[in-house]
Amino acid sequence: MNMDKSVKAQAQKRINIIKGQLDGLLKMIEEGKYCVDLLNQSLAIQNSIKSLDTLLLERHLKTHAVDQFQHDADKASKELLELFKRAHR
């Protein structure tokens, strides 16, 4: 997969933020921080991952999905439907 340099840089930046958030959560757990604070940090991490997912999905839709729908719409539909189902479990 040849990822656009801008998208790649954005994805790497978001992943680094997520790593930092995870490290922060681990430190909070080790320090015995208040459960609500832990949950708030966990929710922030989940939102960051959703943001990364959105970036990657947007890129896929703008590049690969367009081509797939022109050449094999059934496969493209099934792939996106399966992804949607996995995201909403």
N, C-alpha and C. Protein backbone atom coordinates (compact mmCIF):
# COMPACT_ATOMS: atom_id res chain seq x y z
N MET A 1 0.85 -1.17 0.00
CA MET A 1 0.00 0.00 0.00
C MET A 1 0.90 1.23 0.00
N ASN A 2 0.67 2.12 -0.96
CA ASN A 2 1.43 3.33 -1.06
C ASN A 2 0.61 4.47 -0.47
N MET A 3 0.92 4.85 0.75
CA MET A 3 0.13 5.84 1.45
C MET A 3 0.66 7.24 1.14
N ASP A 4 -0.24 8.15 0.84
CA ASP A 4 0.10 9.55 0.63
C ASP A 4 0.93 10.05 1.82
N LYS A 5 1.98 10.82 1.54
CA LYS A 5 2.89 11.28 2.60
C LYS A 5 2.17 12.08 3.67
N SER A 6 1.19 12.88 3.28
CA SER A 6 0.45 13.68 4.24
C SER A 6 -0.38 12.80 5.17
N VAL A 7 -1.06 11.82 4.59
CA VAL A 7 -1.89 10.90 5.38
C VAL A 7 -0.99 10.07 6.28
N LYS A 8 0.13 9.62 5.74
CA LYS A 8 1.07 8.82 6.54
C LYS A 8 1.57 9.63 7.74
N ALA A 9 1.92 10.89 7.50
CA ALA A 9 2.40 11.74 8.59
C ALA A 9 1.31 11.97 9.63
N GLN A 10 0.08 12.18 9.17
CA GLN A 10 -1.04 12.36 10.10
C GLN A 10 -1.27 11.10 10.92
N ALA A 11 -1.22 9.95 10.27
CA ALA A 11 -1.43 8.68 10.97
C ALA A 11 -0.33 8.44 12.00
N GLN A 12 0.91 8.70 11.60
CA GLN A 12 2.02 8.51 12.54
C GLN A 12 1.90 9.45 13.73
N LYS A 13 1.49 10.68 13.49
CA LYS A 13 1.31 11.64 14.58
C LYS A 13 0.23 11.15 15.54
N ARG A 14 -0.87 10.67 15.00
CA ARG A 14 -1.96 10.19 15.85
C ARG A 14 -1.54 8.95 16.64
N ILE A 15 -0.78 8.08 16.01
CA ILE A 15 -0.30 6.89 16.71
C ILE A 15 0.64 7.27 17.85
N ASN A 16 1.49 8.25 17.62
CA ASN A 16 2.38 8.71 18.69
C ASN A 16 1.61 9.32 19.84
N ILE A 17 0.54 10.04 19.53
CA ILE A 17 -0.33 10.58 20.58
C ILE A 17 -0.96 9.44 21.38
N ILE A 18 -1.45 8.42 20.68
CA ILE A 18 -2.07 7.27 21.34
C ILE A 18 -1.06 6.56 22.23
N LYS A 19 0.17 6.39 21.74
CA LYS A 19 1.22 5.77 22.57
C LYS A 19 1.42 6.56 23.85
N GLY A 20 1.48 7.88 23.72
CA GLY A 20 1.65 8.72 24.90
C GLY A 20 0.49 8.60 25.87
N GLN A 21 -0.71 8.55 25.31
CA GLN A 21 -1.89 8.39 26.15
C GLN A 21 -1.87 7.05 26.88
N LEU A 22 -1.47 6.00 26.18
CA LEU A 22 -1.39 4.67 26.81
C LEU A 22 -0.35 4.65 27.91
N ASP A 23 0.80 5.26 27.65
CA ASP A 23 1.83 5.34 28.68
C ASP A 23 1.32 6.11 29.89
N GLY A 24 0.58 7.19 29.62
CA GLY A 24 0.01 7.97 30.71
C GLY A 24 -0.99 7.17 31.52
N LEU A 25 -1.82 6.39 30.84
CA LEU A 25 -2.80 5.57 31.54
C LEU A 25 -2.09 4.50 32.39
N LEU A 26 -1.07 3.89 31.84
CA LEU A 26 -0.33 2.89 32.60
C LEU A 26 0.27 3.51 33.86
N LYS A 27 0.84 4.69 33.73
CA LYS A 27 1.42 5.38 34.89
C LYS A 27 0.33 5.69 35.91
N MET A 28 -0.82 6.13 35.44
CA MET A 28 -1.93 6.43 36.35
C MET A 28 -2.36 5.18 37.11
N ILE A 29 -2.41 4.04 36.41
CA ILE A 29 -2.79 2.78 37.07
C ILE A 29 -1.76 2.41 38.11
N GLU A 30 -0.49 2.51 37.72
CA GLU A 30 0.59 2.17 38.65
C GLU A 30 0.56 3.05 39.89
N GLU A 31 0.14 4.30 39.73
CA GLU A 31 0.09 5.25 40.85
C GLU A 31 -1.22 5.15 41.63
N GLY A 32 -2.12 4.28 41.17
CA GLY A 32 -3.37 4.08 41.89
C GLY A 32 -4.32 5.26 41.80
N LYS A 33 -4.35 5.90 40.67
CA LYS A 33 -5.22 7.07 40.50
C LYS A 33 -6.69 6.67 40.59
N TYR A 34 -7.51 7.66 40.79
CA TYR A 34 -8.96 7.52 40.93
C TYR A 34 -9.56 6.88 39.67
N CYS A 35 -10.46 5.93 39.89
CA CYS A 35 -11.05 5.15 38.78
C CYS A 35 -11.67 6.02 37.70
N VAL A 36 -12.36 7.07 38.07
CA VAL A 36 -13.00 7.94 37.09
C VAL A 36 -11.95 8.61 36.22
N ASP A 37 -10.82 8.98 36.82
CA ASP A 37 -9.73 9.57 36.04
C ASP A 37 -9.16 8.55 35.06
N LEU A 38 -9.05 7.31 35.49
CA LEU A 38 -8.57 6.24 34.61
C LEU A 38 -9.54 6.04 33.44
N LEU A 39 -10.81 6.01 33.76
CA LEU A 39 -11.82 5.83 32.71
C LEU A 39 -11.83 7.00 31.73
N ASN A 40 -11.67 8.22 32.24
CA ASN A 40 -11.61 9.37 31.35
C ASN A 40 -10.41 9.28 30.40
N GLN A 41 -9.28 8.83 30.92
CA GLN A 41 -8.10 8.66 30.08
C GLN A 41 -8.34 7.54 29.06
N SER A 42 -8.96 6.47 29.48
CA SER A 42 -9.27 5.37 28.57
C SER A 42 -10.21 5.83 27.46
N LEU A 43 -11.20 6.62 27.80
CA LEU A 43 -12.12 7.15 26.79
C LEU A 43 -11.40 8.08 25.81
N ALA A 44 -10.46 8.87 26.32
CA ALA A 44 -9.67 9.74 25.45
C ALA A 44 -8.87 8.90 24.45
N ILE A 45 -8.31 7.79 24.92
CA ILE A 45 -7.55 6.89 24.05
C ILE A 45 -8.47 6.30 22.98
N GLN A 46 -9.65 5.86 23.40
CA GLN A 46 -10.60 5.30 22.43
C GLN A 46 -10.99 6.33 21.37
N ASN A 47 -11.18 7.57 21.79
CA ASN A 47 -11.53 8.62 20.83
C ASN A 47 -10.37 8.89 19.87
N SER A 48 -9.15 8.82 20.37
CA SER A 48 -7.99 9.00 19.51
C SER A 48 -7.89 7.88 18.48
N ILE A 49 -8.19 6.67 18.91
CA ILE A 49 -8.18 5.54 17.98
C ILE A 49 -9.28 5.70 16.94
N LYS A 50 -10.44 6.17 17.35
CA LYS A 50 -11.53 6.42 16.40
C LYS A 50 -11.12 7.47 15.37
N SER A 51 -10.39 8.47 15.83
CA SER A 51 -9.91 9.51 14.93
C SER A 51 -8.94 8.92 13.90
N LEU A 52 -8.07 8.04 14.34
CA LEU A 52 -7.16 7.35 13.43
C LEU A 52 -7.94 6.48 12.45
N ASP A 53 -8.92 5.75 12.96
CA ASP A 53 -9.77 4.91 12.10
C ASP A 53 -10.45 5.76 11.02
N THR A 54 -10.95 6.91 11.40
CA THR A 54 -11.62 7.80 10.46
C THR A 54 -10.67 8.25 9.37
N LEU A 55 -9.47 8.62 9.75
CA LEU A 55 -8.46 9.03 8.79
C LEU A 55 -8.17 7.91 7.79
N LEU A 56 -7.97 6.71 8.29
CA LEU A 56 -7.65 5.57 7.43
C LEU A 56 -8.83 5.18 6.54
N LEU A 57 -10.03 5.21 7.09
CA LEU A 57 -11.21 4.88 6.29
C LEU A 57 -11.43 5.92 5.20
N GLU A 58 -11.28 7.18 5.55
CA GLU A 58 -11.44 8.25 4.56
C GLU A 58 -10.47 8.06 3.40
N ARG A 59 -9.23 7.73 3.72
CA ARG A 59 -8.23 7.51 2.69
C ARG A 59 -8.63 6.31 1.82
N HIS A 60 -9.08 5.25 2.45
CA HIS A 60 -9.49 4.06 1.71
C HIS A 60 -10.64 4.38 0.76
N LEU A 61 -11.62 5.11 1.26
CA LEU A 61 -12.78 5.43 0.43
C LEU A 61 -12.40 6.30 -0.76
N LYS A 62 -11.48 7.22 -0.54
CA LYS A 62 -11.08 8.14 -1.61
C LYS A 62 -10.15 7.50 -2.63
N THR A 63 -9.50 6.42 -2.26
CA THR A 63 -8.52 5.82 -3.17
C THR A 63 -8.96 4.43 -3.61
N HIS A 64 -8.79 3.46 -2.76
CA HIS A 64 -9.05 2.07 -3.14
C HIS A 64 -10.51 1.75 -3.42
N ALA A 65 -11.40 2.24 -2.59
CA ALA A 65 -12.82 1.88 -2.75
C ALA A 65 -13.37 2.36 -4.09
N VAL A 66 -12.98 3.54 -4.52
CA VAL A 66 -13.45 4.05 -5.80
C VAL A 66 -13.08 3.09 -6.91
N ASP A 67 -11.83 2.66 -6.93
CA ASP A 67 -11.36 1.72 -7.95
C ASP A 67 -12.06 0.36 -7.81
N GLN A 68 -12.20 -0.12 -6.58
CA GLN A 68 -12.85 -1.41 -6.36
C GLN A 68 -14.29 -1.41 -6.84
N PHE A 69 -15.02 -0.34 -6.59
CA PHE A 69 -16.41 -0.28 -7.02
C PHE A 69 -16.53 -0.27 -8.54
N GLN A 70 -15.54 0.25 -9.22
CA GLN A 70 -15.57 0.26 -10.68
C GLN A 70 -15.26 -1.12 -11.26
N HIS A 71 -14.45 -1.90 -10.55
CA HIS A 71 -14.02 -3.19 -11.09
C HIS A 71 -14.68 -4.41 -10.46
N ASP A 72 -15.04 -4.30 -9.19
CA ASP A 72 -15.67 -5.44 -8.50
C ASP A 72 -16.54 -4.90 -7.36
N ALA A 73 -17.67 -4.35 -7.74
CA ALA A 73 -18.56 -3.69 -6.78
C ALA A 73 -19.03 -4.64 -5.68
N ASP A 74 -19.27 -5.90 -6.02
CA ASP A 74 -19.74 -6.86 -5.03
C ASP A 74 -18.68 -7.06 -3.94
N LYS A 75 -17.44 -7.24 -4.35
CA LYS A 75 -16.35 -7.42 -3.38
C LYS A 75 -16.18 -6.16 -2.53
N ALA A 76 -16.23 -5.00 -3.17
CA ALA A 76 -16.07 -3.74 -2.44
C ALA A 76 -17.19 -3.56 -1.41
N SER A 77 -18.42 -3.86 -1.81
CA SER A 77 -19.56 -3.74 -0.90
C SER A 77 -19.42 -4.67 0.29
N LYS A 78 -19.05 -5.92 0.01
CA LYS A 78 -18.89 -6.90 1.09
C LYS A 78 -17.79 -6.47 2.06
N GLU A 79 -16.69 -5.98 1.52
CA GLU A 79 -15.57 -5.55 2.36
C GLU A 79 -15.98 -4.41 3.29
N LEU A 80 -16.67 -3.41 2.74
CA LEU A 80 -17.10 -2.28 3.55
C LEU A 80 -18.17 -2.67 4.55
N LEU A 81 -19.07 -3.56 4.16
CA LEU A 81 -20.12 -4.03 5.07
C LEU A 81 -19.51 -4.80 6.24
N GLU A 82 -18.53 -5.66 5.96
CA GLU A 82 -17.87 -6.40 7.02
C GLU A 82 -17.12 -5.46 7.98
N LEU A 83 -16.50 -4.47 7.42
CA LEU A 83 -15.80 -3.49 8.25
C LEU A 83 -16.79 -2.74 9.13
N PHE A 84 -17.91 -2.35 8.56
CA PHE A 84 -18.95 -1.66 9.32
C PHE A 84 -19.47 -2.53 10.46
N LYS A 85 -19.71 -3.81 10.17
CA LYS A 85 -20.19 -4.72 11.21
C LYS A 85 -19.19 -4.86 12.33
N ARG A 86 -17.90 -4.99 11.98
CA ARG A 86 -16.85 -5.14 13.01
C ARG A 86 -16.76 -3.88 13.88
N ALA A 87 -16.97 -2.73 13.27
CA ALA A 87 -16.87 -1.48 14.00
C ALA A 87 -18.03 -1.30 14.98
N HIS A 88 -19.13 -1.98 14.73
CA HIS A 88 -20.33 -1.79 15.56
C HIS A 88 -20.68 -2.99 16.41
N ARG A 89 -19.70 -3.80 16.71
CA ARG A 89 -19.93 -4.95 17.61
C ARG A 89 -19.90 -4.49 19.03
